[in-house]
């Protein structure tokens, strides 16, 4: 669910960049938000792939 919310925000930001592509200052203002959304998406996907390892690691600490 979180990945869909994060990527849904990313899609909205990309649409905004396309709409304001003629104003360079506005495009530059959107870049940090786009990067944050992409990084959060990548980290969430990494968490999904490593969730079993995280559970095993947590069990070994108990």
PDB file of N, CA and C in Angstrom:
ATOM      1  N   UNK A   1       0.821  -1.190   0.000  1.00  0.00           N
ATOM      2  CA  UNK A   1       0.000   0.000   0.000  1.00  0.00           C
ATOM      3  C   UNK A   1       0.867   1.257   0.000  1.00  0.00           C
ATOM      4  N   UNK A   2       1.923   1.237   0.790  1.00  0.00           N
ATOM      5  CA  UNK A   2       2.790   2.408   0.882  1.00  0.00           C
ATOM      6  C   UNK A   2       3.461   2.705  -0.452  1.00  0.00           C
ATOM      7  N   UNK A   3       3.852   1.669  -1.162  1.00  0.00           N
ATOM      8  CA  UNK A   3       4.512   1.883  -2.454  1.00  0.00           C
ATOM      9  C   UNK A   3       3.569   2.560  -3.434  1.00  0.00           C
ATOM     10  N   UNK A   4       2.281   2.239  -3.381  1.00  0.00           N
ATOM     11  CA  UNK A   4       1.335   2.861  -4.284  1.00  0.00           C
ATOM     12  C   UNK A   4       1.121   4.322  -3.925  1.00  0.00           C
ATOM     13  N   UNK A   5       1.120   4.634  -2.618  1.00  0.00           N
ATOM     14  CA  UNK A   5       0.986   6.027  -2.206  1.00  0.00           C
ATOM     15  C   UNK A   5       2.209   6.832  -2.618  1.00  0.00           C
ATOM     16  N   UNK A   6       3.381   6.253  -2.401  1.00  0.00           N
ATOM     17  CA  UNK A   6       4.617   6.944  -2.754  1.00  0.00           C
ATOM     18  C   UNK A   6       4.719   7.158  -4.256  1.00  0.00           C
ATOM     19  N   UNK A   7       4.430   6.131  -5.022  1.00  0.00           N
ATOM     20  CA  UNK A   7       4.532   6.252  -6.473  1.00  0.00           C
ATOM     21  C   UNK A   7       3.387   7.093  -7.035  1.00  0.00           C
ATOM     22  N   UNK A   8       2.252   7.119  -6.357  1.00  0.00           N
ATOM     23  CA  UNK A   8       1.157   7.987  -6.783  1.00  0.00           C
ATOM     24  C   UNK A   8       1.551   9.446  -6.659  1.00  0.00           C
ATOM     25  N   UNK A   9       2.267   9.773  -5.607  1.00  0.00           N
ATOM     26  CA  UNK A   9       2.768  11.132  -5.430  1.00  0.00           C
ATOM     27  C   UNK A   9       3.797  11.440  -6.509  1.00  0.00           C
ATOM     28  N   UNK A  10       4.649  10.462  -6.815  1.00  0.00           N
ATOM     29  CA  UNK A  10       5.669  10.647  -7.850  1.00  0.00           C
ATOM     30  C   UNK A  10       5.028  10.939  -9.200  1.00  0.00           C
ATOM     31  N   UNK A  11       3.981  10.222  -9.529  1.00  0.00           N
ATOM     32  CA  UNK A  11       3.293  10.445 -10.809  1.00  0.00           C
ATOM     33  C   UNK A  11       2.723  11.860 -10.858  1.00  0.00           C
ATOM     34  N   UNK A  12       2.129  12.296  -9.773  1.00  0.00           N
ATOM     35  CA  UNK A  12       1.591  13.656  -9.722  1.00  0.00           C
ATOM     36  C   UNK A  12       2.677  14.706  -9.887  1.00  0.00           C
ATOM     37  N   UNK A  13       3.824  14.466  -9.277  1.00  0.00           N
ATOM     38  CA  UNK A  13       4.931  15.412  -9.402  1.00  0.00           C
ATOM     39  C   UNK A  13       5.494  15.425 -10.818  1.00  0.00           C
ATOM     40  N   UNK A  14       5.563  14.260 -11.452  1.00  0.00           N
ATOM     41  CA  UNK A  14       6.033  14.214 -12.837  1.00  0.00           C
ATOM     42  C   UNK A  14       5.084  14.947 -13.774  1.00  0.00           C
ATOM     43  N   UNK A  15       3.790  14.807 -13.538  1.00  0.00           N
ATOM     44  CA  UNK A  15       2.803  15.529 -14.350  1.00  0.00           C
ATOM     45  C   UNK A  15       2.968  17.029 -14.159  1.00  0.00           C
ATOM     46  N   UNK A  16       3.226  17.449 -12.922  1.00  0.00           N
ATOM     47  CA  UNK A  16       3.431  18.872 -12.650  1.00  0.00           C
ATOM     48  C   UNK A  16       4.668  19.391 -13.381  1.00  0.00           C
ATOM     49  N   UNK A  17       5.756  18.616 -13.366  1.00  0.00           N
ATOM     50  CA  UNK A  17       6.979  19.029 -14.066  1.00  0.00           C
ATOM     51  C   UNK A  17       6.708  19.165 -15.559  1.00  0.00           C
ATOM     52  N   UNK A  18       5.932  18.251 -16.117  1.00  0.00           N
ATOM     53  CA  UNK A  18       5.610  18.330 -17.549  1.00  0.00           C
ATOM     54  C   UNK A  18       4.787  19.585 -17.842  1.00  0.00           C
ATOM     55  N   UNK A  19       3.877  19.946 -16.940  1.00  0.00           N
ATOM     56  CA  UNK A  19       3.033  21.110 -17.163  1.00  0.00           C
ATOM     57  C   UNK A  19       3.820  22.416 -17.040  1.00  0.00           C
ATOM     58  N   UNK A  20       4.828  22.451 -16.168  1.00  0.00           N
ATOM     59  CA  UNK A  20       5.566  23.698 -15.945  1.00  0.00           C
ATOM     60  C   UNK A  20       6.955  23.666 -16.571  1.00  0.00           C
ATOM     61  N   UNK A  21       7.164  22.824 -17.553  1.00  0.00           N
ATOM     62  CA  UNK A  21       8.499  22.620 -18.121  1.00  0.00           C
ATOM     63  C   UNK A  21       9.092  23.873 -18.755  1.00  0.00           C
ATOM     64  N   UNK A  22       8.281  24.865 -19.047  1.00  0.00           N
ATOM     65  CA  UNK A  22       8.818  26.089 -19.644  1.00  0.00           C
ATOM     66  C   UNK A  22       9.417  27.023 -18.602  1.00  0.00           C
ATOM     67  N   UNK A  23       9.037  26.877 -17.328  1.00  0.00           N
ATOM     68  CA  UNK A  23       9.557  27.727 -16.258  1.00  0.00           C
ATOM     69  C   UNK A  23      10.648  26.958 -15.509  1.00  0.00           C
ATOM     70  N   UNK A  24      11.900  27.282 -15.807  1.00  0.00           N
ATOM     71  CA  UNK A  24      13.035  26.538 -15.269  1.00  0.00           C
ATOM     72  C   UNK A  24      13.110  26.616 -13.744  1.00  0.00           C
ATOM     73  N   UNK A  25      12.762  27.732 -13.156  1.00  0.00           N
ATOM     74  CA  UNK A  25      12.810  27.863 -11.692  1.00  0.00           C
ATOM     75  C   UNK A  25      11.837  26.904 -11.014  1.00  0.00           C
ATOM     76  N   UNK A  26      10.665  26.759 -11.574  1.00  0.00           N
ATOM     77  CA  UNK A  26       9.669  25.844 -11.009  1.00  0.00           C
ATOM     78  C   UNK A  26      10.110  24.391 -11.159  1.00  0.00           C
ATOM     79  N   UNK A  27      10.732  24.066 -12.284  1.00  0.00           N
ATOM     80  CA  UNK A  27      11.220  22.703 -12.508  1.00  0.00           C
ATOM     81  C   UNK A  27      12.308  22.377 -11.489  1.00  0.00           C
ATOM     82  N   UNK A  28      13.211  23.328 -11.252  1.00  0.00           N
ATOM     83  CA  UNK A  28      14.280  23.117 -10.271  1.00  0.00           C
ATOM     84  C   UNK A  28      13.699  22.955  -8.873  1.00  0.00           C
ATOM     85  N   UNK A  29      12.624  23.662  -8.554  1.00  0.00           N
ATOM     86  CA  UNK A  29      11.972  23.505  -7.248  1.00  0.00           C
ATOM     87  C   UNK A  29      11.348  22.126  -7.077  1.00  0.00           C
ATOM     88  N   UNK A  30      10.950  21.482  -8.162  1.00  0.00           N
ATOM     89  CA  UNK A  30      10.314  20.160  -8.090  1.00  0.00           C
ATOM     90  C   UNK A  30      11.320  19.023  -7.971  1.00  0.00           C
ATOM     91  N   UNK A  31      12.568  19.247  -8.365  1.00  0.00           N
ATOM     92  CA  UNK A  31      13.555  18.171  -8.403  1.00  0.00           C
ATOM     93  C   UNK A  31      13.785  17.513  -7.037  1.00  0.00           C
ATOM     94  N   UNK A  32      13.957  18.263  -5.932  1.00  0.00           N
ATOM     95  CA  UNK A  32      14.164  17.581  -4.641  1.00  0.00           C
ATOM     96  C   UNK A  32      12.997  16.675  -4.251  1.00  0.00           C
ATOM     97  N   UNK A  33      11.775  17.120  -4.499  1.00  0.00           N
ATOM     98  CA  UNK A  33      10.611  16.294  -4.173  1.00  0.00           C
ATOM     99  C   UNK A  33      10.586  15.021  -5.007  1.00  0.00           C
ATOM    100  N   UNK A  34      10.940  15.141  -6.274  1.00  0.00           N
ATOM    101  CA  UNK A  34      10.992  13.964  -7.138  1.00  0.00           C
ATOM    102  C   UNK A  34      12.051  12.979  -6.649  1.00  0.00           C
ATOM    103  N   UNK A  35      13.219  13.497  -6.292  1.00  0.00           N
ATOM    104  CA  UNK A  35      14.293  12.625  -5.817  1.00  0.00           C
ATOM    105  C   UNK A  35      13.910  11.914  -4.523  1.00  0.00           C
ATOM    106  N   UNK A  36      13.253  12.631  -3.619  1.00  0.00           N
ATOM    107  CA  UNK A  36      12.818  12.015  -2.362  1.00  0.00           C
ATOM    108  C   UNK A  36      11.830  10.890  -2.641  1.00  0.00           C
ATOM    109  N   UNK A  37      10.884  11.122  -3.539  1.00  0.00           N
ATOM    110  CA  UNK A  37       9.899  10.085  -3.863  1.00  0.00           C
ATOM    111  C   UNK A  37      10.563   8.868  -4.492  1.00  0.00           C
ATOM    112  N   UNK A  38      11.524   9.090  -5.363  1.00  0.00           N
ATOM    113  CA  UNK A  38      12.215   7.973  -6.005  1.00  0.00           C
ATOM    114  C   UNK A  38      13.021   7.187  -4.985  1.00  0.00           C
ATOM    115  N   UNK A  39      13.722   7.882  -4.096  1.00  0.00           N
ATOM    116  CA  UNK A  39      14.532   7.208  -3.076  1.00  0.00           C
ATOM    117  C   UNK A  39      13.660   6.405  -2.128  1.00  0.00           C
ATOM    118  N   UNK A  40      12.542   6.974  -1.706  1.00  0.00           N
ATOM    119  CA  UNK A  40      11.626   6.250  -0.814  1.00  0.00           C
ATOM    120  C   UNK A  40      11.093   5.002  -1.509  1.00  0.00           C
ATOM    121  N   UNK A  41      10.753   5.113  -2.781  1.00  0.00           N
ATOM    122  CA  UNK A  41      10.273   3.950  -3.534  1.00  0.00           C
ATOM    123  C   UNK A  41      11.325   2.864  -3.640  1.00  0.00           C
ATOM    124  N   UNK A  42      12.561   3.256  -3.917  1.00  0.00           N
ATOM    125  CA  UNK A  42      13.649   2.283  -4.032  1.00  0.00           C
ATOM    126  C   UNK A  42      13.904   1.596  -2.690  1.00  0.00           C
ATOM    127  N   UNK A  43      13.916   2.382  -1.609  1.00  0.00           N
ATOM    128  CA  UNK A  43      14.141   1.785  -0.293  1.00  0.00           C
ATOM    129  C   UNK A  43      13.005   0.840   0.100  1.00  0.00           C
ATOM    130  N   UNK A  44      11.781   1.180  -0.260  1.00  0.00           N
ATOM    131  CA  UNK A  44      10.658   0.311   0.064  1.00  0.00           C
ATOM    132  C   UNK A  44      10.739  -0.999  -0.708  1.00  0.00           C
ATOM    133  N   UNK A  45      11.126  -0.919  -1.970  1.00  0.00           N
ATOM    134  CA  UNK A  45      11.291  -2.139  -2.763  1.00  0.00           C
ATOM    135  C   UNK A  45      12.406  -2.998  -2.185  1.00  0.00           C
ATOM    136  N   UNK A  46      13.500  -2.365  -1.761  1.00  0.00           N
ATOM    137  CA  UNK A  46      14.585  -3.096  -1.108  1.00  0.00           C
ATOM    138  C   UNK A  46      14.123  -3.769   0.163  1.00  0.00           C
ATOM    139  N   UNK A  47      13.271  -3.087   0.920  1.00  0.00           N
ATOM    140  CA  UNK A  47      12.715  -3.676   2.138  1.00  0.00           C
ATOM    141  C   UNK A  47      11.865  -4.889   1.821  1.00  0.00           C
ATOM    142  N   UNK A  48      11.093  -4.819   0.742  1.00  0.00           N
ATOM    143  CA  UNK A  48      10.276  -5.962   0.352  1.00  0.00           C
ATOM    144  C   UNK A  48      11.138  -7.164   0.002  1.00  0.00           C
ATOM    145  N   UNK A  49      12.223  -6.927  -0.735  1.00  0.00           N
ATOM    146  CA  UNK A  49      13.089  -8.029  -1.133  1.00  0.00           C
ATOM    147  C   UNK A  49      13.878  -8.607   0.040  1.00  0.00           C
ATOM    148  N   UNK A  50      14.151  -7.791   1.056  1.00  0.00           N
ATOM    149  CA  UNK A  50      14.958  -8.236   2.189  1.00  0.00           C
ATOM    150  C   UNK A  50      14.143  -8.500   3.448  1.00  0.00           C
ATOM    151  N   UNK A  51      12.833  -8.532   3.344  1.00  0.00           N
ATOM    152  CA  UNK A  51      11.998  -8.675   4.531  1.00  0.00           C
ATOM    153  C   UNK A  51      12.244 -10.000   5.251  1.00  0.00           C
ATOM    154  N   UNK A  52      12.496 -11.063   4.508  1.00  0.00           N
ATOM    155  CA  UNK A  52      12.751 -12.353   5.146  1.00  0.00           C
ATOM    156  C   UNK A  52      14.067 -12.309   5.933  1.00  0.00           C
ATOM    157  N   UNK A  53      15.066 -11.673   5.363  1.00  0.00           N
ATOM    158  CA  UNK A  53      16.345 -11.543   6.070  1.00  0.00           C
ATOM    159  C   UNK A  53      16.193 -10.705   7.325  1.00  0.00           C
ATOM    160  N   UNK A  54      15.387  -9.667   7.254  1.00  0.00           N
ATOM    161  CA  UNK A  54      15.156  -8.811   8.419  1.00  0.00           C
ATOM    162  C   UNK A  54      14.440  -9.603   9.510  1.00  0.00           C
ATOM    163  N   UNK A  55      13.458 -10.418   9.133  1.00  0.00           N
ATOM    164  CA  UNK A  55      12.735 -11.236  10.119  1.00  0.00           C
ATOM    165  C   UNK A  55      13.678 -12.249  10.763  1.00  0.00           C
ATOM    166  N   UNK A  56      14.534 -12.885   9.965  1.00  0.00           N
ATOM    167  CA  UNK A  56      15.502 -13.840  10.514  1.00  0.00           C
ATOM    168  C   UNK A  56      16.475 -13.169  11.463  1.00  0.00           C
ATOM    169  N   UNK A  57      16.909 -11.990  11.089  1.00  0.00           N
ATOM    170  CA  UNK A  57      17.832 -11.239  11.931  1.00  0.00           C
ATOM    171  C   UNK A  57      17.171 -10.853  13.256  1.00  0.00           C
ATOM    172  N   UNK A  58      15.906 -10.427  13.176  1.00  0.00           N
ATOM    173  CA  UNK A  58      15.172 -10.045  14.377  1.00  0.00           C
ATOM    174  C   UNK A  58      14.990 -11.249  15.306  1.00  0.00           C
ATOM    175  N   UNK A  59      14.702 -12.419  14.732  1.00  0.00           N
ATOM    176  CA  UNK A  59      14.524 -13.630  15.536  1.00  0.00           C
ATOM    177  C   UNK A  59      15.825 -14.039  16.209  1.00  0.00           C
ATOM    178  N   UNK A  60      16.952 -13.803  15.559  1.00  0.00           N
ATOM    179  CA  UNK A  60      18.236 -14.194  16.155  1.00  0.00           C
ATOM    180  C   UNK A  60      18.595 -13.308  17.347  1.00  0.00           C
ATOM    181  N   UNK A  61      18.076 -12.081  17.391  1.00  0.00           N
ATOM    182  CA  UNK A  61      18.340 -11.194  18.519  1.00  0.00           C
ATOM    183  C   UNK A  61      17.522 -11.579  19.750  1.00  0.00           C
ATOM    184  N   UNK A  62      16.414 -12.253  19.543  1.00  0.00           N
ATOM    185  CA  UNK A  62      15.538 -12.595  20.672  1.00  0.00           C
ATOM    186  C   UNK A  62      16.020 -13.779  21.403  1.00  0.00           C
TER     187      UNK A  62
END
